[in-house]
Amino acid sequence: MILPILAAAAEAGGLTGSFTLGMAGAGAGIGVGLVGAKAAEAVGRNPGAFGRVLTVAILGMALAEAIAIYALILAFGGR
C-alpha cells in the first residue's frame, strides 16, 4: 500500500522534498520520544546510573536528530 504512495510522491517533483522532510521529521520525533522514554525508565529502575544513562540518551537523541538534519539538506539542497 505504501509503495504506490511513494512512487506518486517521487513523480511529483515539488512534493518530494516535503515528503522526505516530513517522513524524516516523523521518524526523528518518534526516535527522540523512544529514547527519552527508555532513559526515564532506566533511571527509574537504577537511579545510581543517572550519569551514564544521560550520556547515552543525549547521544541517541543527537543521532536521531541528525537524520532529520540530513533530510533537511536533501530536501532543500541540490539533487
PDB file of N, CA and C in Angstrom:
ATOM      1  N   MET A   1       0.803  -1.184   0.000  1.00  0.00           N
ATOM      2  CA  MET A   1       0.000   0.000   0.000  1.00  0.00           C
ATOM      3  C   MET A   1       0.856   1.263   0.000  1.00  0.00           C
ATOM      4  N   ILE A   2       1.979   1.235   0.675  1.00  0.00           N
ATOM      5  CA  ILE A   2       2.813   2.435   0.763  1.00  0.00           C
ATOM      6  C   ILE A   2       3.620   2.653  -0.520  1.00  0.00           C
ATOM      7  N   LEU A   3       3.907   1.601  -1.265  1.00  0.00           N
ATOM      8  CA  LEU A   3       4.729   1.752  -2.463  1.00  0.00           C
ATOM      9  C   LEU A   3       4.089   2.641  -3.524  1.00  0.00           C
ATOM     10  N   PRO A   4       2.799   2.506  -3.822  1.00  0.00           N
ATOM     11  CA  PRO A   4       2.214   3.451  -4.790  1.00  0.00           C
ATOM     12  C   PRO A   4       2.260   4.897  -4.308  1.00  0.00           C
ATOM     13  N   ILE A   5       2.124   5.102  -3.013  1.00  0.00           N
ATOM     14  CA  ILE A   5       2.193   6.459  -2.471  1.00  0.00           C
ATOM     15  C   ILE A   5       3.597   7.022  -2.652  1.00  0.00           C
ATOM     16  N   LEU A   6       4.602   6.201  -2.367  1.00  0.00           N
ATOM     17  CA  LEU A   6       5.983   6.646  -2.543  1.00  0.00           C
ATOM     18  C   LEU A   6       6.301   6.912  -4.007  1.00  0.00           C
ATOM     19  N   ALA A   7       5.784   6.066  -4.898  1.00  0.00           N
ATOM     20  CA  ALA A   7       6.025   6.270  -6.324  1.00  0.00           C
ATOM     21  C   ALA A   7       5.370   7.561  -6.808  1.00  0.00           C
ATOM     22  N   ALA A   8       4.168   7.830  -6.340  1.00  0.00           N
ATOM     23  CA  ALA A   8       3.489   9.065  -6.734  1.00  0.00           C
ATOM     24  C   ALA A   8       4.222  10.286  -6.195  1.00  0.00           C
ATOM     25  N   ALA A   9       4.752  10.184  -4.989  1.00  0.00           N
ATOM     26  CA  ALA A   9       5.500  11.307  -4.416  1.00  0.00           C
ATOM     27  C   ALA A   9       6.800  11.541  -5.168  1.00  0.00           C
ATOM     28  N   ALA A  10       7.424  10.474  -5.643  1.00  0.00           N
ATOM     29  CA  ALA A  10       8.670  10.618  -6.389  1.00  0.00           C
ATOM     30  C   ALA A  10       8.429  11.262  -7.752  1.00  0.00           C
ATOM     31  N   GLU A  11       7.277  10.983  -8.363  1.00  0.00           N
ATOM     32  CA  GLU A  11       6.969  11.571  -9.665  1.00  0.00           C
ATOM     33  C   GLU A  11       6.610  13.048  -9.559  1.00  0.00           C
ATOM     34  N   ALA A  12       5.991  13.439  -8.477  1.00  0.00           N
ATOM     35  CA  ALA A  12       5.634  14.846  -8.270  1.00  0.00           C
ATOM     36  C   ALA A  12       6.853  15.557  -7.703  1.00  0.00           C
ATOM     37  N   GLY A  13       7.595  16.213  -8.551  1.00  0.00           N
ATOM     38  CA  GLY A  13       8.881  16.790  -8.165  1.00  0.00           C
ATOM     39  C   GLY A  13       8.830  17.738  -6.985  1.00  0.00           C
ATOM     40  N   GLY A  14       7.833  18.598  -6.908  1.00  0.00           N
ATOM     41  CA  GLY A  14       7.763  19.561  -5.821  1.00  0.00           C
ATOM     42  C   GLY A  14       7.439  18.933  -4.481  1.00  0.00           C
ATOM     43  N   LEU A  15       6.757  17.814  -4.495  1.00  0.00           N
ATOM     44  CA  LEU A  15       6.363  17.175  -3.246  1.00  0.00           C
ATOM     45  C   LEU A  15       7.437  16.259  -2.681  1.00  0.00           C
ATOM     46  N   THR A  16       8.431  15.945  -3.462  1.00  0.00           N
ATOM     47  CA  THR A  16       9.442  15.001  -2.998  1.00  0.00           C
ATOM     48  C   THR A  16      10.191  15.536  -1.791  1.00  0.00           C
ATOM     49  N   GLY A  17      10.606  16.791  -1.840  1.00  0.00           N
ATOM     50  CA  GLY A  17      11.332  17.372  -0.717  1.00  0.00           C
ATOM     51  C   GLY A  17      10.480  17.456   0.528  1.00  0.00           C
ATOM     52  N   SER A  18       9.221  17.850   0.352  1.00  0.00           N
ATOM     53  CA  SER A  18       8.324  17.946   1.501  1.00  0.00           C
ATOM     54  C   SER A  18       8.048  16.576   2.093  1.00  0.00           C
ATOM     55  N   PHE A  19       7.866  15.595   1.240  1.00  0.00           N
ATOM     56  CA  PHE A  19       7.615  14.232   1.709  1.00  0.00           C
ATOM     57  C   PHE A  19       8.833  13.692   2.449  1.00  0.00           C
ATOM     58  N   THR A  20      10.011  13.919   1.889  1.00  0.00           N
ATOM     59  CA  THR A  20      11.245  13.466   2.534  1.00  0.00           C
ATOM     60  C   THR A  20      11.410  14.108   3.895  1.00  0.00           C
ATOM     61  N   LEU A  21      11.193  15.396   3.958  1.00  0.00           N
ATOM     62  CA  LEU A  21      11.346  16.113   5.218  1.00  0.00           C
ATOM     63  C   LEU A  21      10.291  15.687   6.231  1.00  0.00           C
ATOM     64  N   GLY A  22       9.076  15.472   5.783  1.00  0.00           N
ATOM     65  CA  GLY A  22       8.014  15.038   6.687  1.00  0.00           C
ATOM     66  C   GLY A  22       8.267  13.661   7.270  1.00  0.00           C
ATOM     67  N   MET A  23       8.691  12.739   6.428  1.00  0.00           N
ATOM     68  CA  MET A  23       8.970  11.384   6.917  1.00  0.00           C
ATOM     69  C   MET A  23      10.157  11.381   7.872  1.00  0.00           C
ATOM     70  N   ALA A  24      11.191  12.137   7.548  1.00  0.00           N
ATOM     71  CA  ALA A  24      12.360  12.184   8.433  1.00  0.00           C
ATOM     72  C   ALA A  24      12.026  12.875   9.745  1.00  0.00           C
ATOM     73  N   GLY A  25      11.213  13.911   9.681  1.00  0.00           N
ATOM     74  CA  GLY A  25      10.804  14.589  10.909  1.00  0.00           C
ATOM     75  C   GLY A  25       9.972  13.690  11.798  1.00  0.00           C
ATOM     76  N   ALA A  26       9.083  12.928  11.194  1.00  0.00           N
ATOM     77  CA  ALA A  26       8.273  11.993  11.974  1.00  0.00           C
ATOM     78  C   ALA A  26       9.148  10.908  12.585  1.00  0.00           C
ATOM     79  N   GLY A  27      10.083  10.401  11.804  1.00  0.00           N
ATOM     80  CA  GLY A  27      10.985   9.373  12.329  1.00  0.00           C
ATOM     81  C   GLY A  27      11.865   9.887  13.450  1.00  0.00           C
ATOM     82  N   ALA A  28      12.362  11.103  13.287  1.00  0.00           N
ATOM     83  CA  ALA A  28      13.201  11.685  14.342  1.00  0.00           C
ATOM     84  C   ALA A  28      12.389  11.949  15.602  1.00  0.00           C
ATOM     85  N   GLY A  29      11.159  12.408  15.437  1.00  0.00           N
ATOM     86  CA  GLY A  29      10.302  12.647  16.596  1.00  0.00           C
ATOM     87  C   GLY A  29       9.994  11.374  17.360  1.00  0.00           C
ATOM     88  N   ILE A  30       9.703  10.320  16.627  1.00  0.00           N
ATOM     89  CA  ILE A  30       9.447   9.029  17.272  1.00  0.00           C
ATOM     90  C   ILE A  30      10.710   8.521  17.953  1.00  0.00           C
ATOM     91  N   GLY A  31      11.844   8.660  17.275  1.00  0.00           N
ATOM     92  CA  GLY A  31      13.109   8.193  17.853  1.00  0.00           C
ATOM     93  C   GLY A  31      13.482   8.923  19.127  1.00  0.00           C
ATOM     94  N   VAL A  32      13.336  10.245  19.128  1.00  0.00           N
ATOM     95  CA  VAL A  32      13.659  11.029  20.325  1.00  0.00           C
ATOM     96  C   VAL A  32      12.697  10.681  21.456  1.00  0.00           C
ATOM     97  N   GLY A  33      11.435  10.486  21.126  1.00  0.00           N
ATOM     98  CA  GLY A  33      10.461  10.108  22.144  1.00  0.00           C
ATOM     99  C   GLY A  33      10.772   8.763  22.773  1.00  0.00           C
ATOM    100  N   LEU A  34      11.155   7.801  21.949  1.00  0.00           N
ATOM    101  CA  LEU A  34      11.504   6.481  22.480  1.00  0.00           C
ATOM    102  C   LEU A  34      12.762   6.528  23.334  1.00  0.00           C
ATOM    103  N   VAL A  35      13.751   7.285  22.892  1.00  0.00           N
ATOM    104  CA  VAL A  35      14.986   7.408  23.678  1.00  0.00           C
ATOM    105  C   VAL A  35      14.690   8.046  25.028  1.00  0.00           C
ATOM    106  N   GLY A  36      13.898   9.102  25.023  1.00  0.00           N
ATOM    107  CA  GLY A  36      13.556   9.764  26.279  1.00  0.00           C
ATOM    108  C   GLY A  36      12.768   8.868  27.213  1.00  0.00           C
ATOM    109  N   ALA A  37      11.825   8.122  26.661  1.00  0.00           N
ATOM    110  CA  ALA A  37      11.019   7.226  27.494  1.00  0.00           C
ATOM    111  C   ALA A  37      11.865   6.121  28.105  1.00  0.00           C
ATOM    112  N   LYS A  38      12.722   5.533  27.302  1.00  0.00           N
ATOM    113  CA  LYS A  38      13.560   4.445  27.820  1.00  0.00           C
ATOM    114  C   LYS A  38      14.605   4.959  28.798  1.00  0.00           C
ATOM    115  N   ALA A  39      15.090   6.186  28.593  1.00  0.00           N
ATOM    116  CA  ALA A  39      16.045   6.760  29.546  1.00  0.00           C
ATOM    117  C   ALA A  39      15.365   7.011  30.884  1.00  0.00           C
ATOM    118  N   ALA A  40      14.147   7.535  30.850  1.00  0.00           N
ATOM    119  CA  ALA A  40      13.412   7.754  32.101  1.00  0.00           C
ATOM    120  C   ALA A  40      13.127   6.432  32.802  1.00  0.00           C
ATOM    121  N   GLU A  41      12.803   5.415  32.026  1.00  0.00           N
ATOM    122  CA  GLU A  41      12.560   4.089  32.604  1.00  0.00           C
ATOM    123  C   GLU A  41      13.830   3.524  33.233  1.00  0.00           C
ATOM    124  N   ALA A  42      14.953   3.695  32.548  1.00  0.00           N
ATOM    125  CA  ALA A  42      16.220   3.171  33.073  1.00  0.00           C
ATOM    126  C   ALA A  42      16.629   3.884  34.356  1.00  0.00           C
ATOM    127  N   VAL A  43      16.445   5.197  34.411  1.00  0.00           N
ATOM    128  CA  VAL A  43      16.789   5.940  35.630  1.00  0.00           C
ATOM    129  C   VAL A  43      15.826   5.574  36.755  1.00  0.00           C
ATOM    130  N   GLY A  44      14.581   5.302  36.423  1.00  0.00           N
ATOM    131  CA  GLY A  44      13.623   4.874  37.434  1.00  0.00           C
ATOM    132  C   GLY A  44      13.988   3.535  38.042  1.00  0.00           C
ATOM    133  N   ARG A  45      14.553   2.656  37.235  1.00  0.00           N
ATOM    134  CA  ARG A  45      14.955   1.339  37.741  1.00  0.00           C
ATOM    135  C   ARG A  45      16.258   1.396  38.519  1.00  0.00           C
ATOM    136  N   ASN A  46      17.187   2.237  38.056  1.00  0.00           N
ATOM    137  CA  ASN A  46      18.500   2.315  38.694  1.00  0.00           C
ATOM    138  C   ASN A  46      18.933   3.780  38.764  1.00  0.00           C
ATOM    139  N   PRO A  47      18.530   4.490  39.806  1.00  0.00           N
ATOM    140  CA  PRO A  47      18.869   5.918  39.894  1.00  0.00           C
ATOM    141  C   PRO A  47      20.367   6.190  39.978  1.00  0.00           C
ATOM    142  N   GLY A  48      21.140   5.231  40.418  1.00  0.00           N
ATOM    143  CA  GLY A  48      22.581   5.430  40.528  1.00  0.00           C
ATOM    144  C   GLY A  48      23.281   5.532  39.187  1.00  0.00           C
ATOM    145  N   ALA A  49      22.641   5.051  38.141  1.00  0.00           N
ATOM    146  CA  ALA A  49      23.245   5.072  36.806  1.00  0.00           C
ATOM    147  C   ALA A  49      22.808   6.292  36.007  1.00  0.00           C
ATOM    148  N   PHE A  50      22.370   7.341  36.693  1.00  0.00           N
ATOM    149  CA  PHE A  50      21.833   8.520  36.010  1.00  0.00           C
ATOM    150  C   PHE A  50      22.828   9.124  35.028  1.00  0.00           C
ATOM    151  N   GLY A  51      24.078   9.276  35.448  1.00  0.00           N
ATOM    152  CA  GLY A  51      25.084   9.914  34.590  1.00  0.00           C
ATOM    153  C   GLY A  51      25.332   9.146  33.308  1.00  0.00           C
ATOM    154  N   ARG A  52      25.473   7.837  33.415  1.00  0.00           N
ATOM    155  CA  ARG A  52      25.718   7.025  32.216  1.00  0.00           C
ATOM    156  C   ARG A  52      24.493   6.989  31.313  1.00  0.00           C
ATOM    157  N   VAL A  53      23.312   6.883  31.917  1.00  0.00           N
ATOM    158  CA  VAL A  53      22.088   6.860  31.117  1.00  0.00           C
ATOM    159  C   VAL A  53      21.897   8.191  30.397  1.00  0.00           C
ATOM    160  N   LEU A  54      22.177   9.290  31.081  1.00  0.00           N
ATOM    161  CA  LEU A  54      22.042  10.610  30.467  1.00  0.00           C
ATOM    162  C   LEU A  54      22.979  10.762  29.272  1.00  0.00           C
ATOM    163  N   THR A  55      24.207  10.283  29.421  1.00  0.00           N
ATOM    164  CA  THR A  55      25.177  10.376  28.330  1.00  0.00           C
ATOM    165  C   THR A  55      24.706   9.604  27.106  1.00  0.00           C
ATOM    166  N   VAL A  56      24.267   8.380  27.325  1.00  0.00           N
ATOM    167  CA  VAL A  56      23.808   7.550  26.206  1.00  0.00           C
ATOM    168  C   VAL A  56      22.527   8.122  25.600  1.00  0.00           C
ATOM    169  N   ALA A  57      21.641   8.659  26.437  1.00  0.00           N
ATOM    170  CA  ALA A  57      20.392   9.229  25.930  1.00  0.00           C
ATOM    171  C   ALA A  57      20.655  10.464  25.073  1.00  0.00           C
ATOM    172  N   ILE A  58      21.552  11.317  25.511  1.00  0.00           N
ATOM    173  CA  ILE A  58      21.873  12.510  24.715  1.00  0.00           C
ATOM    174  C   ILE A  58      22.504  12.113  23.387  1.00  0.00           C
ATOM    175  N   LEU A  59      23.373  11.124  23.407  1.00  0.00           N
ATOM    176  CA  LEU A  59      23.979  10.643  22.166  1.00  0.00           C
ATOM    177  C   LEU A  59      22.922  10.056  21.235  1.00  0.00           C
ATOM    178  N   GLY A  60      22.012   9.271  21.771  1.00  0.00           N
ATOM    179  CA  GLY A  60      20.942   8.694  20.957  1.00  0.00           C
ATOM    180  C   GLY A  60      20.029   9.744  20.364  1.00  0.00           C
ATOM    181  N   MET A  61      19.688  10.757  21.157  1.00  0.00           N
ATOM    182  CA  MET A  61      18.837  11.833  20.640  1.00  0.00           C
ATOM    183  C   MET A  61      19.552  12.640  19.563  1.00  0.00           C
ATOM    184  N   ALA A  62      20.845  12.854  19.742  1.00  0.00           N
ATOM    185  CA  ALA A  62      21.612  13.593  18.731  1.00  0.00           C
ATOM    186  C   ALA A  62      21.661  12.822  17.418  1.00  0.00           C
ATOM    187  N   LEU A  63      21.822  11.518  17.491  1.00  0.00           N
ATOM    188  CA  LEU A  63      21.843  10.715  16.267  1.00  0.00           C
ATOM    189  C   LEU A  63      20.477  10.703  15.591  1.00  0.00           C
ATOM    190  N   ALA A  64      19.414  10.657  16.375  1.00  0.00           N
ATOM    191  CA  ALA A  64      18.070  10.694  15.792  1.00  0.00           C
ATOM    192  C   ALA A  64      17.804  12.044  15.125  1.00  0.00           C
ATOM    193  N   GLU A  65      18.239  13.118  15.738  1.00  0.00           N
ATOM    194  CA  GLU A  65      18.046  14.442  15.146  1.00  0.00           C
ATOM    195  C   GLU A  65      18.935  14.644  13.924  1.00  0.00           C
ATOM    196  N   ALA A  66      20.078  13.980  13.874  1.00  0.00           N
ATOM    197  CA  ALA A  66      20.962  14.099  12.709  1.00  0.00           C
ATOM    198  C   ALA A  66      20.268  13.593  11.453  1.00  0.00           C
ATOM    199  N   ILE A  67      19.430  12.585  11.593  1.00  0.00           N
ATOM    200  CA  ILE A  67      18.692  12.073  10.443  1.00  0.00           C
ATOM    201  C   ILE A  67      17.771  13.151   9.889  1.00  0.00           C
ATOM    202  N   ALA A  68      17.120  13.885  10.768  1.00  0.00           N
ATOM    203  CA  ALA A  68      16.241  14.967  10.313  1.00  0.00           C
ATOM    204  C   ALA A  68      17.039  16.080   9.643  1.00  0.00           C
ATOM    205  N   ILE A  69      18.221  16.357  10.146  1.00  0.00           N
ATOM    206  CA  ILE A  69      19.060  17.392   9.533  1.00  0.00           C
ATOM    207  C   ILE A  69      19.529  16.948   8.151  1.00  0.00           C
ATOM    208  N   TYR A  70      19.903  15.678   8.001  1.00  0.00           N
ATOM    209  CA  TYR A  70      20.285  15.168   6.682  1.00  0.00           C
ATOM    210  C   TYR A  70      19.112  15.264   5.713  1.00  0.00           C
ATOM    211  N   ALA A  71      17.923  14.955   6.174  1.00  0.00           N
ATOM    212  CA  ALA A  71      16.750  15.052   5.308  1.00  0.00           C
ATOM    213  C   ALA A  71      16.480  16.496   4.913  1.00  0.00           C
ATOM    214  N   LEU A  72      16.696  17.420   5.832  1.00  0.00           N
ATOM    215  CA  LEU A  72      16.523  18.840   5.522  1.00  0.00           C
ATOM    216  C   LEU A  72      17.489  19.268   4.425  1.00  0.00           C
ATOM    217  N   ILE A  73      18.719  18.813   4.514  1.00  0.00           N
ATOM    218  CA  ILE A  73      19.721  19.134   3.494  1.00  0.00           C
ATOM    219  C   ILE A  73      19.330  18.522   2.154  1.00  0.00           C
ATOM    220  N   LEU A  74      18.872  17.271   2.171  1.00  0.00           N
ATOM    221  CA  LEU A  74      18.481  16.615   0.928  1.00  0.00           C
ATOM    222  C   LEU A  74      17.221  17.228   0.329  1.00  0.00           C
ATOM    223  N   ALA A  75      16.293  17.642   1.184  1.00  0.00           N
ATOM    224  CA  ALA A  75      15.027  18.176   0.684  1.00  0.00           C
ATOM    225  C   ALA A  75      15.206  19.525   0.002  1.00  0.00           C
ATOM    226  N   PHE A  76      16.056  20.373   0.555  1.00  0.00           N
ATOM    227  CA  PHE A  76      16.188  21.722   0.015  1.00  0.00           C
ATOM    228  C   PHE A  76      17.514  21.962  -0.694  1.00  0.00           C
ATOM    229  N   GLY A  77      18.408  21.001  -0.639  1.00  0.00           N
ATOM    230  CA  GLY A  77      19.677  21.126  -1.341  1.00  0.00           C
ATOM    231  C   GLY A  77      19.533  20.676  -2.783  1.00  0.00           C
ATOM    232  N   GLY A  78      20.595  20.794  -3.517  1.00  0.00           N
ATOM    233  CA  GLY A  78      20.572  20.344  -4.900  1.00  0.00           C
ATOM    234  C   GLY A  78      20.523  18.832  -4.991  1.00  0.00           C
ATOM    235  N   ARG A  79      19.866  18.339  -6.028  1.00  0.00           N
ATOM    236  CA  ARG A  79      19.763  16.888  -6.214  1.00  0.00           C
ATOM    237  C   ARG A  79      20.586  16.476  -7.385  1.00  0.00           C
TER     238      ARG A  79
END
